[in-house]
Amino acid sequence: QVQLVESGGGLVQAGGSLRLSCAASGLTFSVYVMGWFRQAPGKEREFVAAISWIAGSTYYADSVKGRFTISRDNAKNSLYLEMNSLKFEDTAVYYCAAAKTPIPTPPLGSDFASWGQGTQVTVSS
């Protein structure tokens, strides 16, 4: 099992930036893809971005493309999400997730086996 712990959330004004981090531990050698999802109050969880753990290929939701950047540091078993030009509608709890197998695009939450506890991102308008 892979354990995931997110950090870096907070309150930021619209137009600002935040960097989320996710520390992975446990059976990290089994990870194939890692991703970020988010869930706003009263809304369903939605996919944000994903990255293949070895090759580094990335995939983004249209809503964040050009503003968010997903990256990973294999040596540190860490995943990152650089968020720029934040909008009010980016407000949500952000979750880190790990998958052990290749995933379809667009990814679904059910494709990921391990999840972190989430970190709150609040963008003030």
C-alpha atoms as a PDB file:
ATOM      1  CA  GLN A   1       0.000   0.000   0.000  1.00  0.00           C
ATOM      2  CA  VAL A   2       1.111   3.534  -0.768  1.00  0.00           C
ATOM      3  CA  GLN A   3       0.576   6.262   1.815  1.00  0.00           C
ATOM      4  CA  LEU A   4       0.131   9.837   0.607  1.00  0.00           C
ATOM      5  CA  VAL A   5       0.281  13.083   2.573  1.00  0.00           C
ATOM      6  CA  GLU A   6      -0.542  16.442   0.981  1.00  0.00           C
ATOM      7  CA  SER A   7       0.642  19.867   2.128  1.00  0.00           C
ATOM      8  CA  GLY A   8       0.843  23.419   0.872  1.00  0.00           C
ATOM      9  CA  GLY A   9      -2.783  24.449   0.788  1.00  0.00           C
ATOM     10  CA  GLY A  10      -3.957  27.796   2.105  1.00  0.00           C
ATOM     11  CA  LEU A  11      -5.721  31.059   1.412  1.00  0.00           C
ATOM     12  CA  VAL A  12      -4.669  33.113  -1.596  1.00  0.00           C
ATOM     13  CA  GLN A  13      -6.110  36.010  -3.535  1.00  0.00           C
ATOM     14  CA  ALA A  14      -7.356  35.553  -7.063  1.00  0.00           C
ATOM     15  CA  GLY A  15      -4.469  35.779  -9.484  1.00  0.00           C
ATOM     16  CA  GLY A  16      -2.049  34.428  -6.921  1.00  0.00           C
ATOM     17  CA  SER A  17      -0.080  31.196  -6.781  1.00  0.00           C
ATOM     18  CA  LEU A  18       0.277  28.161  -4.537  1.00  0.00           C
ATOM     19  CA  ARG A  19       2.395  25.031  -4.672  1.00  0.00           C
ATOM     20  CA  LEU A  20       0.977  21.790  -3.359  1.00  0.00           C
ATOM     21  CA  SER A  21       3.176  18.879  -2.349  1.00  0.00           C
ATOM     22  CA  CYS A  22       2.417  15.208  -1.834  1.00  0.00           C
ATOM     23  CA  ALA A  23       4.816  12.914  -0.010  1.00  0.00           C
ATOM     24  CA  ALA A  24       4.531   9.223  -0.882  1.00  0.00           C
ATOM     25  CA  SER A  25       5.713   6.349   1.291  1.00  0.00           C
ATOM     26  CA  GLY A  26       5.245   2.605   1.461  1.00  0.00           C
ATOM     27  CA  LEU A  27       5.245   0.555  -1.753  1.00  0.00           C
ATOM     28  CA  THR A  28       6.226   3.493  -3.959  1.00  0.00           C
ATOM     29  CA  PHE A  29       7.965   1.206  -6.450  1.00  0.00           C
ATOM     30  CA  SER A  30       4.516  -0.028  -7.435  1.00  0.00           C
ATOM     31  CA  VAL A  31       3.310   3.425  -8.497  1.00  0.00           C
ATOM     32  CA  TYR A  32       2.626   3.874 -12.216  1.00  0.00           C
ATOM     33  CA  VAL A  33       0.755   7.168 -12.325  1.00  0.00           C
ATOM     34  CA  MET A  34       0.117   9.910  -9.778  1.00  0.00           C
ATOM     35  CA  GLY A  35      -2.470  12.608  -9.969  1.00  0.00           C
ATOM     36  CA  TRP A  36      -4.325  15.465  -8.355  1.00  0.00           C
ATOM     37  CA  PHE A  37      -8.074  15.677  -7.919  1.00  0.00           C
ATOM     38  CA  ARG A  38     -10.192  18.316  -6.233  1.00  0.00           C
ATOM     39  CA  GLN A  39     -13.616  18.574  -4.678  1.00  0.00           C
ATOM     40  CA  ALA A  40     -15.454  21.812  -4.051  1.00  0.00           C
ATOM     41  CA  PRO A  41     -18.344  22.060  -1.574  1.00  0.00           C
ATOM     42  CA  GLY A  42     -21.502  20.564  -3.034  1.00  0.00           C
ATOM     43  CA  LYS A  43     -19.715  19.334  -6.135  1.00  0.00           C
ATOM     44  CA  GLU A  44     -18.371  16.018  -7.301  1.00  0.00           C
ATOM     45  CA  ARG A  45     -14.682  15.209  -7.179  1.00  0.00           C
ATOM     46  CA  GLU A  46     -12.979  16.195 -10.414  1.00  0.00           C
ATOM     47  CA  PHE A  47      -9.698  15.346 -12.085  1.00  0.00           C
ATOM     48  CA  VAL A  48      -7.045  18.081 -12.194  1.00  0.00           C
ATOM     49  CA  ALA A  49      -3.756  16.642 -13.482  1.00  0.00           C
ATOM     50  CA  ALA A  50      -1.786  13.414 -13.743  1.00  0.00           C
ATOM     51  CA  ILE A  51       1.803  12.370 -14.415  1.00  0.00           C
ATOM     52  CA  SER A  52       3.364   9.040 -15.227  1.00  0.00           C
ATOM     53  CA  TRP A  53       5.808   8.231 -12.458  1.00  0.00           C
ATOM     54  CA  ILE A  54       8.677   6.986 -14.646  1.00  0.00           C
ATOM     55  CA  ALA A  55       8.293   8.707 -18.020  1.00  0.00           C
ATOM     56  CA  GLY A  56       6.960  11.994 -16.686  1.00  0.00           C
ATOM     57  CA  SER A  57       4.196  12.319 -19.264  1.00  0.00           C
ATOM     58  CA  THR A  58       1.522  14.739 -18.121  1.00  0.00           C
ATOM     59  CA  TYR A  59      -2.196  15.218 -18.663  1.00  0.00           C
ATOM     60  CA  TYR A  60      -4.381  18.126 -17.532  1.00  0.00           C
ATOM     61  CA  ALA A  61      -8.019  18.984 -17.222  1.00  0.00           C
ATOM     62  CA  ASP A  62      -8.999  21.724 -19.647  1.00  0.00           C
ATOM     63  CA  SER A  63      -9.976  23.977 -16.743  1.00  0.00           C
ATOM     64  CA  VAL A  64      -6.396  24.175 -15.443  1.00  0.00           C
ATOM     65  CA  LYS A  65      -4.362  23.759 -18.619  1.00  0.00           C
ATOM     66  CA  GLY A  66      -1.840  26.575 -18.967  1.00  0.00           C
ATOM     67  CA  ARG A  67      -2.202  27.616 -15.315  1.00  0.00           C
ATOM     68  CA  PHE A  68      -1.266  24.495 -13.343  1.00  0.00           C
ATOM     69  CA  THR A  69       1.872  22.369 -13.657  1.00  0.00           C
ATOM     70  CA  ILE A  70       2.239  18.874 -12.253  1.00  0.00           C
ATOM     71  CA  SER A  71       5.702  17.493 -11.550  1.00  0.00           C
ATOM     72  CA  ARG A  72       7.397  14.785  -9.542  1.00  0.00           C
ATOM     73  CA  ASP A  73      10.702  14.097  -7.851  1.00  0.00           C
ATOM     74  CA  ASN A  74      11.277  10.358  -7.951  1.00  0.00           C
ATOM     75  CA  ALA A  75      14.278  10.537  -5.611  1.00  0.00           C
ATOM     76  CA  LYS A  76      12.146  12.223  -2.964  1.00  0.00           C
ATOM     77  CA  ASN A  77       8.997  10.205  -3.723  1.00  0.00           C
ATOM     78  CA  SER A  78       7.179  13.499  -4.026  1.00  0.00           C
ATOM     79  CA  LEU A  79       4.505  14.925  -6.270  1.00  0.00           C
ATOM     80  CA  TYR A  80       3.862  18.624  -6.809  1.00  0.00           C
ATOM     81  CA  LEU A  81       1.197  20.888  -8.248  1.00  0.00           C
ATOM     82  CA  GLU A  82       2.226  24.433  -9.107  1.00  0.00           C
ATOM     83  CA  MET A  83      -0.909  26.548  -9.369  1.00  0.00           C
ATOM     84  CA  ASN A  84      -0.727  29.984 -10.972  1.00  0.00           C
ATOM     85  CA  SER A  85      -3.341  32.579 -11.932  1.00  0.00           C
ATOM     86  CA  LEU A  86      -5.681  31.081  -9.374  1.00  0.00           C
ATOM     87  CA  LYS A  87      -9.384  31.742  -9.741  1.00  0.00           C
ATOM     88  CA  PHE A  88     -12.204  31.710  -7.212  1.00  0.00           C
ATOM     89  CA  GLU A  89     -13.535  28.562  -8.852  1.00  0.00           C
ATOM     90  CA  ASP A  90     -10.275  26.753  -8.032  1.00  0.00           C
ATOM     91  CA  THR A  91     -11.357  26.739  -4.379  1.00  0.00           C
ATOM     92  CA  ALA A  92     -11.584  23.116  -3.260  1.00  0.00           C
ATOM     93  CA  VAL A  93      -9.981  20.385  -1.232  1.00  0.00           C
ATOM     94  CA  TYR A  94      -7.137  18.988  -3.320  1.00  0.00           C
ATOM     95  CA  TYR A  95      -6.274  15.312  -3.138  1.00  0.00           C
ATOM     96  CA  CYS A  96      -3.173  13.438  -4.210  1.00  0.00           C
ATOM     97  CA  ALA A  97      -3.741   9.961  -5.658  1.00  0.00           C
ATOM     98  CA  ALA A  98      -1.647   7.052  -6.910  1.00  0.00           C
ATOM     99  CA  ALA A  99      -2.397   4.331  -9.452  1.00  0.00           C
ATOM    100  CA  LYS A 100      -0.517   1.058  -9.945  1.00  0.00           C
ATOM    101  CA  THR A 101      -1.540   0.552 -13.562  1.00  0.00           C
ATOM    102  CA  PRO A 102      -1.854   2.683 -16.701  1.00  0.00           C
ATOM    103  CA  ILE A 103      -4.964   4.830 -16.635  1.00  0.00           C
ATOM    104  CA  PRO A 104      -7.312   6.043 -19.359  1.00  0.00           C
ATOM    105  CA  THR A 105      -7.679   9.671 -20.324  1.00  0.00           C
ATOM    106  CA  PRO A 106      -9.463  11.469 -18.937  1.00  0.00           C
ATOM    107  CA  PRO A 107      -8.706   9.687 -15.673  1.00  0.00           C
ATOM    108  CA  LEU A 108     -11.406   8.769 -13.202  1.00  0.00           C
ATOM    109  CA  GLY A 109     -11.072   8.647  -9.455  1.00  0.00           C
ATOM    110  CA  SER A 110     -11.802   4.931  -9.573  1.00  0.00           C
ATOM    111  CA  ASP A 111      -8.584   4.417 -11.552  1.00  0.00           C
ATOM    112  CA  PHE A 112      -6.528   5.364  -8.480  1.00  0.00           C
ATOM    113  CA  ALA A 113      -5.985   2.983  -5.565  1.00  0.00           C
ATOM    114  CA  SER A 114      -4.379   5.249  -2.956  1.00  0.00           C
ATOM    115  CA  TRP A 115      -5.479   8.670  -1.736  1.00  0.00           C
ATOM    116  CA  GLY A 116      -4.201  11.333   0.610  1.00  0.00           C
ATOM    117  CA  GLN A 117      -6.303  13.119   3.214  1.00  0.00           C
ATOM    118  CA  GLY A 118      -6.554  16.331   1.183  1.00  0.00           C
ATOM    119  CA  THR A 119      -5.435  19.918   1.595  1.00  0.00           C
ATOM    120  CA  GLN A 120      -7.717  22.948   1.423  1.00  0.00           C
ATOM    121  CA  VAL A 121      -7.133  25.633  -1.194  1.00  0.00           C
ATOM    122  CA  THR A 122      -9.211  28.770  -0.843  1.00  0.00           C
ATOM    123  CA  VAL A 123      -9.069  31.527  -3.443  1.00  0.00           C
ATOM    124  CA  SER A 124     -10.601  34.840  -2.445  1.00  0.00           C
ATOM    125  CA  SER A 125     -12.151  36.939  -5.159  1.00  0.00           C
END
